[in-house]
Amino acid sequence: MFGLQIRYLSFFFGLISILSFFNIIYSYYFNLYLNLDTYYLSLFLSSIMAILFYILKISPKKTSIFQKILTVFLGYILLPLILSIPFYLSIYNLTFINSFF
């Protein structure tokens, strides 16, 4: 597959899961229970993606420019997709496009 670049995606999804965990703690501290299930969903999905990308096998070959571009493209699509889940499922009734951007 595309080796070391997949580890970068794993790192960023792990960072998103840590930050969503902090968001859950913040919500519990200030008794903001309205959107707590969306934060749990975001935490679960980002943790699963981080673990999946981490356990994929790394090929020892040198990466090509196509693999690097594919990694950046996946990063620009998948990371905002996970980050938009709490906004889309919130009480503010945002559309998917508005929550994505």
PDB file of N, CA and C in Angstrom:
ATOM      1  N   MET A   1       0.848  -1.168   0.000  1.00  0.00           N
ATOM      2  CA  MET A   1       0.000   0.000   0.000  1.00  0.00           C
ATOM      3  C   MET A   1       0.897   1.235   0.000  1.00  0.00           C
ATOM      4  N   PHE A   2       0.555   2.260   0.748  1.00  0.00           N
ATOM      5  CA  PHE A   2       1.372   3.459   0.656  1.00  0.00           C
ATOM      6  C   PHE A   2       2.023   3.846   1.957  1.00  0.00           C
ATOM      7  N   GLY A   3       2.551   2.891   2.633  1.00  0.00           N
ATOM      8  CA  GLY A   3       3.546   2.943   3.667  1.00  0.00           C
ATOM      9  C   GLY A   3       3.507   3.999   4.746  1.00  0.00           C
ATOM     10  N   LEU A   4       4.573   4.753   4.793  1.00  0.00           N
ATOM     11  CA  LEU A   4       4.782   5.682   5.900  1.00  0.00           C
ATOM     12  C   LEU A   4       3.763   6.807   5.927  1.00  0.00           C
ATOM     13  N   GLN A   5       3.207   7.168   4.789  1.00  0.00           N
ATOM     14  CA  GLN A   5       2.217   8.238   4.762  1.00  0.00           C
ATOM     15  C   GLN A   5       0.963   7.860   5.528  1.00  0.00           C
ATOM     16  N   ILE A   6       0.652   6.579   5.555  1.00  0.00           N
ATOM     17  CA  ILE A   6      -0.528   6.120   6.286  1.00  0.00           C
ATOM     18  C   ILE A   6      -0.326   6.345   7.791  1.00  0.00           C
ATOM     19  N   ARG A   7       0.917   6.319   8.229  1.00  0.00           N
ATOM     20  CA  ARG A   7       1.206   6.604   9.643  1.00  0.00           C
ATOM     21  C   ARG A   7       0.917   8.056   9.990  1.00  0.00           C
ATOM     22  N   TYR A   8       1.103   8.943   9.028  1.00  0.00           N
ATOM     23  CA  TYR A   8       0.757  10.348   9.263  1.00  0.00           C
ATOM     24  C   TYR A   8      -0.745  10.498   9.494  1.00  0.00           C
ATOM     25  N   LEU A   9      -1.533   9.816   8.685  1.00  0.00           N
ATOM     26  CA  LEU A   9      -2.981   9.857   8.875  1.00  0.00           C
ATOM     27  C   LEU A   9      -3.367   9.251  10.214  1.00  0.00           C
ATOM     28  N   SER A  10      -2.677   8.192  10.608  1.00  0.00           N
ATOM     29  CA  SER A  10      -2.938   7.581  11.911  1.00  0.00           C
ATOM     30  C   SER A  10      -2.642   8.554  13.037  1.00  0.00           C
ATOM     31  N   PHE A  11      -1.551   9.298  12.924  1.00  0.00           N
ATOM     32  CA  PHE A  11      -1.204  10.280  13.944  1.00  0.00           C
ATOM     33  C   PHE A  11      -2.266  11.369  14.057  1.00  0.00           C
ATOM     34  N   PHE A  12      -2.732  11.879  12.925  1.00  0.00           N
ATOM     35  CA  PHE A  12      -3.711  12.958  12.964  1.00  0.00           C
ATOM     36  C   PHE A  12      -5.075  12.480  13.458  1.00  0.00           C
ATOM     37  N   PHE A  13      -5.473  11.258  13.109  1.00  0.00           N
ATOM     38  CA  PHE A  13      -6.716  10.727  13.654  1.00  0.00           C
ATOM     39  C   PHE A  13      -6.587  10.470  15.152  1.00  0.00           C
ATOM     40  N   GLY A  14      -5.412  10.060  15.604  1.00  0.00           N
ATOM     41  CA  GLY A  14      -5.186   9.916  17.041  1.00  0.00           C
ATOM     42  C   GLY A  14      -5.267  11.250  17.761  1.00  0.00           C
ATOM     43  N   LEU A  15      -4.757  12.288  17.135  1.00  0.00           N
ATOM     44  CA  LEU A  15      -4.844  13.628  17.704  1.00  0.00           C
ATOM     45  C   LEU A  15      -6.294  14.102  17.788  1.00  0.00           C
ATOM     46  N   ILE A  16      -7.084  13.804  16.777  1.00  0.00           N
ATOM     47  CA  ILE A  16      -8.505  14.155  16.799  1.00  0.00           C
ATOM     48  C   ILE A  16      -9.219  13.406  17.914  1.00  0.00           C
ATOM     49  N   SER A  17      -8.871  12.135  18.121  1.00  0.00           N
ATOM     50  CA  SER A  17      -9.535  11.376  19.185  1.00  0.00           C
ATOM     51  C   SER A  17      -9.155  11.907  20.571  1.00  0.00           C
ATOM     52  N   ILE A  18      -7.929  12.330  20.745  1.00  0.00           N
ATOM     53  CA  ILE A  18      -7.525  12.917  22.032  1.00  0.00           C
ATOM     54  C   ILE A  18      -8.265  14.225  22.278  1.00  0.00           C
ATOM     55  N   LEU A  19      -8.371  15.058  21.247  1.00  0.00           N
ATOM     56  CA  LEU A  19      -9.067  16.330  21.403  1.00  0.00           C
ATOM     57  C   LEU A  19     -10.570  16.141  21.613  1.00  0.00           C
ATOM     58  N   SER A  20     -11.155  15.125  20.996  1.00  0.00           N
ATOM     59  CA  SER A  20     -12.578  14.874  21.243  1.00  0.00           C
ATOM     60  C   SER A  20     -12.787  14.313  22.644  1.00  0.00           C
ATOM     61  N   PHE A  21     -11.811  13.587  23.175  1.00  0.00           N
ATOM     62  CA  PHE A  21     -11.896  13.139  24.565  1.00  0.00           C
ATOM     63  C   PHE A  21     -11.867  14.338  25.515  1.00  0.00           C
ATOM     64  N   PHE A  22     -10.999  15.314  25.231  1.00  0.00           N
ATOM     65  CA  PHE A  22     -10.976  16.536  26.038  1.00  0.00           C
ATOM     66  C   PHE A  22     -12.296  17.289  25.940  1.00  0.00           C
ATOM     67  N   ASN A  23     -12.914  17.248  24.775  1.00  0.00           N
ATOM     68  CA  ASN A  23     -14.204  17.899  24.595  1.00  0.00           C
ATOM     69  C   ASN A  23     -15.284  17.204  25.434  1.00  0.00           C
ATOM     70  N   ILE A  24     -15.227  15.904  25.560  1.00  0.00           N
ATOM     71  CA  ILE A  24     -16.168  15.161  26.403  1.00  0.00           C
ATOM     72  C   ILE A  24     -15.972  15.514  27.868  1.00  0.00           C
ATOM     73  N   ILE A  25     -14.713  15.597  28.285  1.00  0.00           N
ATOM     74  CA  ILE A  25     -14.430  15.983  29.677  1.00  0.00           C
ATOM     75  C   ILE A  25     -14.928  17.402  29.949  1.00  0.00           C
ATOM     76  N   TYR A  26     -14.723  18.304  29.003  1.00  0.00           N
ATOM     77  CA  TYR A  26     -15.194  19.679  29.129  1.00  0.00           C
ATOM     78  C   TYR A  26     -16.719  19.714  29.255  1.00  0.00           C
ATOM     79  N   SER A  27     -17.405  18.909  28.464  1.00  0.00           N
ATOM     80  CA  SER A  27     -18.867  18.877  28.521  1.00  0.00           C
ATOM     81  C   SER A  27     -19.370  18.348  29.847  1.00  0.00           C
ATOM     82  N   TYR A  28     -18.701  17.346  30.381  1.00  0.00           N
ATOM     83  CA  TYR A  28     -19.094  16.836  31.696  1.00  0.00           C
ATOM     84  C   TYR A  28     -18.815  17.853  32.802  1.00  0.00           C
ATOM     85  N   TYR A  29     -17.722  18.575  32.688  1.00  0.00           N
ATOM     86  CA  TYR A  29     -17.357  19.534  33.722  1.00  0.00           C
ATOM     87  C   TYR A  29     -18.364  20.680  33.806  1.00  0.00           C
ATOM     88  N   PHE A  30     -18.830  21.161  32.651  1.00  0.00           N
ATOM     89  CA  PHE A  30     -19.764  22.277  32.636  1.00  0.00           C
ATOM     90  C   PHE A  30     -21.220  21.855  32.473  1.00  0.00           C
ATOM     91  N   ASN A  31     -21.505  20.574  32.644  1.00  0.00           N
ATOM     92  CA  ASN A  31     -22.866  20.023  32.573  1.00  0.00           C
ATOM     93  C   ASN A  31     -23.563  20.339  31.253  1.00  0.00           C
ATOM     94  N   LEU A  32     -22.849  20.182  30.162  1.00  0.00           N
ATOM     95  CA  LEU A  32     -23.392  20.391  28.825  1.00  0.00           C
ATOM     96  C   LEU A  32     -23.646  19.020  28.193  1.00  0.00           C
ATOM     97  N   TYR A  33     -24.790  18.450  28.475  1.00  0.00           N
ATOM     98  CA  TYR A  33     -25.068  17.083  28.055  1.00  0.00           C
ATOM     99  C   TYR A  33     -25.843  16.989  26.749  1.00  0.00           C
ATOM    100  N   LEU A  34     -26.154  18.096  26.094  1.00  0.00           N
ATOM    101  CA  LEU A  34     -27.001  18.061  24.908  1.00  0.00           C
ATOM    102  C   LEU A  34     -26.370  17.320  23.741  1.00  0.00           C
ATOM    103  N   ASN A  35     -25.152  17.611  23.410  1.00  0.00           N
ATOM    104  CA  ASN A  35     -24.502  17.027  22.243  1.00  0.00           C
ATOM    105  C   ASN A  35     -23.429  16.012  22.612  1.00  0.00           C
ATOM    106  N   LEU A  36     -23.544  15.425  23.753  1.00  0.00           N
ATOM    107  CA  LEU A  36     -22.488  14.534  24.224  1.00  0.00           C
ATOM    108  C   LEU A  36     -22.379  13.266  23.395  1.00  0.00           C
ATOM    109  N   ASP A  37     -23.486  12.754  22.890  1.00  0.00           N
ATOM    110  CA  ASP A  37     -23.425  11.532  22.088  1.00  0.00           C
ATOM    111  C   ASP A  37     -22.709  11.754  20.757  1.00  0.00           C
ATOM    112  N   THR A  38     -22.763  12.952  20.212  1.00  0.00           N
ATOM    113  CA  THR A  38     -22.036  13.225  18.973  1.00  0.00           C
ATOM    114  C   THR A  38     -20.531  13.266  19.223  1.00  0.00           C
ATOM    115  N   TYR A  39     -20.125  13.730  20.387  1.00  0.00           N
ATOM    116  CA  TYR A  39     -18.708  13.722  20.723  1.00  0.00           C
ATOM    117  C   TYR A  39     -18.216  12.295  20.923  1.00  0.00           C
ATOM    118  N   TYR A  40     -19.052  11.449  21.495  1.00  0.00           N
ATOM    119  CA  TYR A  40     -18.691  10.041  21.627  1.00  0.00           C
ATOM    120  C   TYR A  40     -18.541   9.383  20.260  1.00  0.00           C
ATOM    121  N   LEU A  41     -19.424   9.704  19.348  1.00  0.00           N
ATOM    122  CA  LEU A  41     -19.340   9.148  18.000  1.00  0.00           C
ATOM    123  C   LEU A  41     -18.065   9.608  17.305  1.00  0.00           C
ATOM    124  N   SER A  42     -17.721  10.855  17.457  1.00  0.00           N
ATOM    125  CA  SER A  42     -16.497  11.387  16.877  1.00  0.00           C
ATOM    126  C   SER A  42     -15.261  10.730  17.490  1.00  0.00           C
ATOM    127  N   LEU A  43     -15.277  10.535  18.797  1.00  0.00           N
ATOM    128  CA  LEU A  43     -14.170   9.864  19.479  1.00  0.00           C
ATOM    129  C   LEU A  43     -14.030   8.434  18.994  1.00  0.00           C
ATOM    130  N   PHE A  44     -15.141   7.724  18.883  1.00  0.00           N
ATOM    131  CA  PHE A  44     -15.107   6.333  18.459  1.00  0.00           C
ATOM    132  C   PHE A  44     -14.598   6.198  17.021  1.00  0.00           C
ATOM    133  N   LEU A  45     -15.121   7.000  16.108  1.00  0.00           N
ATOM    134  CA  LEU A  45     -14.715   6.893  14.714  1.00  0.00           C
ATOM    135  C   LEU A  45     -13.251   7.290  14.501  1.00  0.00           C
ATOM    136  N   SER A  46     -12.807   8.338  15.164  1.00  0.00           N
ATOM    137  CA  SER A  46     -11.416   8.748  14.988  1.00  0.00           C
ATOM    138  C   SER A  46     -10.454   7.749  15.617  1.00  0.00           C
ATOM    139  N   SER A  47     -10.847   7.129  16.714  1.00  0.00           N
ATOM    140  CA  SER A  47      -9.997   6.103  17.323  1.00  0.00           C
ATOM    141  C   SER A  47      -9.903   4.873  16.435  1.00  0.00           C
ATOM    142  N   ILE A  48     -11.023   4.472  15.855  1.00  0.00           N
ATOM    143  CA  ILE A  48     -11.020   3.320  14.953  1.00  0.00           C
ATOM    144  C   ILE A  48     -10.150   3.596  13.725  1.00  0.00           C
ATOM    145  N   MET A  49     -10.279   4.784  13.159  1.00  0.00           N
ATOM    146  CA  MET A  49      -9.469   5.130  11.988  1.00  0.00           C
ATOM    147  C   MET A  49      -7.979   5.189  12.346  1.00  0.00           C
ATOM    148  N   ALA A  50      -7.649   5.711  13.522  1.00  0.00           N
ATOM    149  CA  ALA A  50      -6.243   5.778  13.939  1.00  0.00           C
ATOM    150  C   ALA A  50      -5.670   4.380  14.122  1.00  0.00           C
ATOM    151  N   ILE A  51      -6.433   3.492  14.720  1.00  0.00           N
ATOM    152  CA  ILE A  51      -5.953   2.126  14.931  1.00  0.00           C
ATOM    153  C   ILE A  51      -5.831   1.387  13.605  1.00  0.00           C
ATOM    154  N   LEU A  52      -6.812   1.553  12.731  1.00  0.00           N
ATOM    155  CA  LEU A  52      -6.754   0.886  11.424  1.00  0.00           C
ATOM    156  C   LEU A  52      -5.560   1.360  10.605  1.00  0.00           C
ATOM    157  N   PHE A  53      -5.338   2.654  10.574  1.00  0.00           N
ATOM    158  CA  PHE A  53      -4.210   3.161   9.806  1.00  0.00           C
ATOM    159  C   PHE A  53      -2.877   2.796  10.452  1.00  0.00           C
ATOM    160  N   TYR A  54      -2.856   2.599  11.753  1.00  0.00           N
ATOM    161  CA  TYR A  54      -1.604   2.259  12.429  1.00  0.00           C
ATOM    162  C   TYR A  54      -1.205   0.808  12.191  1.00  0.00           C
ATOM    163  N   ILE A  55      -2.176  -0.094  12.117  1.00  0.00           N
ATOM    164  CA  ILE A  55      -1.820  -1.510  11.992  1.00  0.00           C
ATOM    165  C   ILE A  55      -1.605  -1.960  10.549  1.00  0.00           C
ATOM    166  N   LEU A  56      -1.854  -1.081   9.578  1.00  0.00           N
ATOM    167  CA  LEU A  56      -1.566  -1.450   8.194  1.00  0.00           C
ATOM    168  C   LEU A  56      -0.069  -1.636   8.011  1.00  0.00           C
ATOM    169  N   LYS A  57       0.293  -2.547   7.150  1.00  0.00           N
ATOM    170  CA  LYS A  57       1.702  -2.873   6.931  1.00  0.00           C
ATOM    171  C   LYS A  57       2.402  -1.749   6.167  1.00  0.00           C
ATOM    172  N   ILE A  58       3.636  -1.512   6.560  1.00  0.00           N
ATOM    173  CA  ILE A  58       4.456  -0.488   5.902  1.00  0.00           C
ATOM    174  C   ILE A  58       5.392  -1.173   4.924  1.00  0.00           C
ATOM    175  N   SER A  59       5.362  -0.732   3.685  1.00  0.00           N
ATOM    176  CA  SER A  59       6.273  -1.292   2.685  1.00  0.00           C
ATOM    177  C   SER A  59       7.612  -0.552   2.762  1.00  0.00           C
ATOM    178  N   PRO A  60       8.717  -1.285   2.614  1.00  0.00           N
ATOM    179  CA  PRO A  60      10.027  -0.626   2.727  1.00  0.00           C
ATOM    180  C   PRO A  60      10.429   0.151   1.476  1.00  0.00           C
ATOM    181  N   LYS A  61       9.612   0.107   0.428  1.00  0.00           N
ATOM    182  CA  LYS A  61       9.950   0.817  -0.805  1.00  0.00           C
ATOM    183  C   LYS A  61       9.841   2.333  -0.622  1.00  0.00           C
ATOM    184  N   LYS A  62      10.537   3.033  -1.485  1.00  0.00           N
ATOM    185  CA  LYS A  62      10.445   4.489  -1.480  1.00  0.00           C
ATOM    186  C   LYS A  62       9.095   4.902  -2.055  1.00  0.00           C
ATOM    187  N   THR A  63       8.506   5.910  -1.480  1.00  0.00           N
ATOM    188  CA  THR A  63       7.170   6.321  -1.911  1.00  0.00           C
ATOM    189  C   THR A  63       7.241   7.189  -3.161  1.00  0.00           C
ATOM    190  N   SER A  64       6.230   7.046  -3.979  1.00  0.00           N
ATOM    191  CA  SER A  64       6.171   7.834  -5.205  1.00  0.00           C
ATOM    192  C   SER A  64       5.390   9.124  -4.956  1.00  0.00           C
ATOM    193  N   ILE A  65       5.414   9.992  -5.927  1.00  0.00           N
ATOM    194  CA  ILE A  65       4.698  11.259  -5.816  1.00  0.00           C
ATOM    195  C   ILE A  65       3.191  11.022  -5.795  1.00  0.00           C
ATOM    196  N   PHE A  66       2.733   9.991  -6.503  1.00  0.00           N
ATOM    197  CA  PHE A  66       1.313   9.661  -6.508  1.00  0.00           C
ATOM    198  C   PHE A  66       0.841   9.266  -5.105  1.00  0.00           C
ATOM    199  N   GLN A  67       1.630   8.497  -4.391  1.00  0.00           N
ATOM    200  CA  GLN A  67       1.262   8.082  -3.037  1.00  0.00           C
ATOM    201  C   GLN A  67       1.244   9.271  -2.084  1.00  0.00           C
ATOM    202  N   LYS A  68       2.141  10.195  -2.259  1.00  0.00           N
ATOM    203  CA  LYS A  68       2.156  11.393  -1.416  1.00  0.00           C
ATOM    204  C   LYS A  68       0.940  12.273  -1.688  1.00  0.00           C
ATOM    205  N   ILE A  69       0.592  12.424  -2.954  1.00  0.00           N
ATOM    206  CA  ILE A  69      -0.590  13.213  -3.304  1.00  0.00           C
ATOM    207  C   ILE A  69      -1.851  12.544  -2.792  1.00  0.00           C
ATOM    208  N   LEU A  70      -1.919  11.221  -2.874  1.00  0.00           N
ATOM    209  CA  LEU A  70      -3.067  10.473  -2.367  1.00  0.00           C
ATOM    210  C   LEU A  70      -3.206  10.629  -0.854  1.00  0.00           C
ATOM    211  N   THR A  71      -2.094  10.658  -0.146  1.00  0.00           N
ATOM    212  CA  THR A  71      -2.137  10.857   1.302  1.00  0.00           C
ATOM    213  C   THR A  71      -2.676  12.237   1.658  1.00  0.00           C
ATOM    214  N   VAL A  72      -2.222  13.250   0.963  1.00  0.00           N
ATOM    215  CA  VAL A  72      -2.712  14.613   1.215  1.00  0.00           C
ATOM    216  C   VAL A  72      -4.194  14.713   0.875  1.00  0.00           C
ATOM    217  N   PHE A  73      -4.601  14.095  -0.230  1.00  0.00           N
ATOM    218  CA  PHE A  73      -6.005  14.115  -0.630  1.00  0.00           C
ATOM    219  C   PHE A  73      -6.881  13.416   0.410  1.00  0.00           C
ATOM    220  N   LEU A  74      -6.450  12.257   0.887  1.00  0.00           N
ATOM    221  CA  LEU A  74      -7.212  11.557   1.927  1.00  0.00           C
ATOM    222  C   LEU A  74      -7.267  12.363   3.220  1.00  0.00           C
ATOM    223  N   GLY A  75      -6.174  13.046   3.542  1.00  0.00           N
ATOM    224  CA  GLY A  75      -6.160  13.891   4.728  1.00  0.00           C
ATOM    225  C   GLY A  75      -7.142  15.046   4.628  1.00  0.00           C
ATOM    226  N   TYR A  76      -7.227  15.649   3.427  1.00  0.00           N
ATOM    227  CA  TYR A  76      -8.141  16.773   3.237  1.00  0.00           C
ATOM    228  C   TYR A  76      -9.602  16.353   3.190  1.00  0.00           C
ATOM    229  N   ILE A  77      -9.868  15.094   2.894  1.00  0.00           N
ATOM    230  CA  ILE A  77     -11.245  14.618   2.833  1.00  0.00           C
ATOM    231  C   ILE A  77     -11.672  13.947   4.140  1.00  0.00           C
ATOM    232  N   LEU A  78     -10.868  13.050   4.666  1.00  0.00           N
ATOM    233  CA  LEU A  78     -11.282  12.247   5.825  1.00  0.00           C
ATOM    234  C   LEU A  78     -11.247  13.016   7.149  1.00  0.00           C
ATOM    235  N   LEU A  79     -10.227  13.828   7.353  1.00  0.00           N
ATOM    236  CA  LEU A  79     -10.128  14.546   8.628  1.00  0.00           C
ATOM    237  C   LEU A  79     -11.280  15.530   8.845  1.00  0.00           C
ATOM    238  N   PRO A  80     -11.619  16.384   7.876  1.00  0.00           N
ATOM    239  CA  PRO A  80     -12.787  17.253   8.091  1.00  0.00           C
ATOM    240  C   PRO A  80     -14.095  16.483   8.171  1.00  0.00           C
ATOM    241  N   LEU A  81     -14.155  15.321   7.531  1.00  0.00           N
ATOM    242  CA  LEU A  81     -15.361  14.509   7.611  1.00  0.00           C
ATOM    243  C   LEU A  81     -15.608  14.047   9.044  1.00  0.00           C
ATOM    244  N   ILE A  82     -14.572  13.618   9.730  1.00  0.00           N
ATOM    245  CA  ILE A  82     -14.703  13.197  11.134  1.00  0.00           C
ATOM    246  C   ILE A  82     -14.971  14.412  12.019  1.00  0.00           C
ATOM    247  N   LEU A  83     -14.324  15.530  11.734  1.00  0.00           N
ATOM    248  CA  LEU A  83     -14.517  16.731  12.555  1.00  0.00           C
ATOM    249  C   LEU A  83     -15.890  17.363  12.369  1.00  0.00           C
ATOM    250  N   SER A  84     -16.549  17.093  11.259  1.00  0.00           N
ATOM    251  CA  SER A  84     -17.856  17.701  11.011  1.00  0.00           C
ATOM    252  C   SER A  84     -19.008  16.948  11.655  1.00  0.00           C
ATOM    253  N   ILE A  85     -18.765  15.762  12.179  1.00  0.00           N
ATOM    254  CA  ILE A  85     -19.846  14.961  12.771  1.00  0.00           C
ATOM    255  C   ILE A  85     -20.536  15.676  13.931  1.00  0.00           C
ATOM    256  N   PRO A  86     -19.813  16.231  14.912  1.00  0.00           N
ATOM    257  CA  PRO A  86     -20.526  16.918  15.997  1.00  0.00           C
ATOM    258  C   PRO A  86     -21.319  18.133  15.537  1.00  0.00           C
ATOM    259  N   PHE A  87     -20.835  18.825  14.531  1.00  0.00           N
ATOM    260  CA  PHE A  87     -21.570  19.989  14.031  1.00  0.00           C
ATOM    261  C   PHE A  87     -22.829  19.571  13.284  1.00  0.00           C
ATOM    262  N   TYR A  88     -22.725  18.518  12.485  1.00  0.00           N
ATOM    263  CA  TYR A  88     -23.867  18.074  11.694  1.00  0.00           C
ATOM    264  C   TYR A  88     -24.970  17.497  12.575  1.00  0.00           C
ATOM    265  N   LEU A  89     -24.615  16.779  13.610  1.00  0.00           N
ATOM    266  CA  LEU A  89     -25.602  16.146  14.481  1.00  0.00           C
ATOM    267  C   LEU A  89     -25.977  17.001  15.684  1.00  0.00           C
ATOM    268  N   SER A  90     -25.562  18.252  15.696  1.00  0.00           N
ATOM    269  CA  SER A  90     -25.848  19.123  16.831  1.00  0.00           C
ATOM    270  C   SER A  90     -27.273  19.648  16.777  1.00  0.00           C
ATOM    271  N   ILE A  91     -27.613  20.451  17.771  1.00  0.00           N
ATOM    272  CA  ILE A  91     -28.966  21.004  17.852  1.00  0.00           C
ATOM    273  C   ILE A  91     -29.134  22.238  16.979  1.00  0.00           C
ATOM    274  N   TYR A  92     -28.077  22.667  16.303  1.00  0.00           N
ATOM    275  CA  TYR A  92     -28.139  23.889  15.518  1.00  0.00           C
ATOM    276  C   TYR A  92     -28.689  23.678  14.117  1.00  0.00           C
ATOM    277  N   ASN A  93     -28.982  22.453  13.728  1.00  0.00           N
ATOM    278  CA  ASN A  93     -29.567  22.099  12.433  1.00  0.00           C
ATOM    279  C   ASN A  93     -28.759  22.642  11.257  1.00  0.00           C
ATOM    280  N   LEU A  94     -27.466  22.383  11.253  1.00  0.00           N
ATOM    281  CA  LEU A  94     -26.611  22.766  10.145  1.00  0.00           C
ATOM    282  C   LEU A  94     -26.701  21.718   9.047  1.00  0.00           C
ATOM    283  N   THR A  95     -26.568  22.150   7.807  1.00  0.00           N
ATOM    284  CA  THR A  95     -26.508  21.188   6.720  1.00  0.00           C
ATOM    285  C   THR A  95     -25.132  20.523   6.718  1.00  0.00           C
ATOM    286  N   PHE A  96     -25.009  19.435   5.960  1.00  0.00           N
ATOM    287  CA  PHE A  96     -23.740  18.718   5.934  1.00  0.00           C
ATOM    288  C   PHE A  96     -22.633  19.578   5.308  1.00  0.00           C
ATOM    289  N   ILE A  97     -22.968  20.310   4.281  1.00  0.00           N
ATOM    290  CA  ILE A  97     -21.961  21.157   3.627  1.00  0.00           C
ATOM    291  C   ILE A  97     -21.489  22.250   4.571  1.00  0.00           C
ATOM    292  N   ASN A  98     -22.398  22.862   5.304  1.00  0.00           N
ATOM    293  CA  ASN A  98     -22.015  23.899   6.277  1.00  0.00           C
ATOM    294  C   ASN A  98     -21.167  23.324   7.398  1.00  0.00           C
ATOM    295  N   SER A  99     -21.491  22.146   7.867  1.00  0.00           N
ATOM    296  CA  SER A  99     -20.695  21.551   8.944  1.00  0.00           C
ATOM    297  C   SER A  99     -19.350  21.069   8.442  1.00  0.00           C
ATOM    298  N   PHE A 100     -19.260  20.673   7.193  1.00  0.00           N
ATOM    299  CA  PHE A 100     -17.995  20.212   6.632  1.00  0.00           C
ATOM    300  C   PHE A 100     -17.010  21.363   6.463  1.00  0.00           C
ATOM    301  N   PHE A 101     -17.520  22.515   6.027  1.00  0.00           N
ATOM    302  CA  PHE A 101     -16.632  23.639   5.802  1.00  0.00           C
ATOM    303  C   PHE A 101     -16.570  24.555   7.004  1.00  0.00           C
TER     304      PHE A 101
END
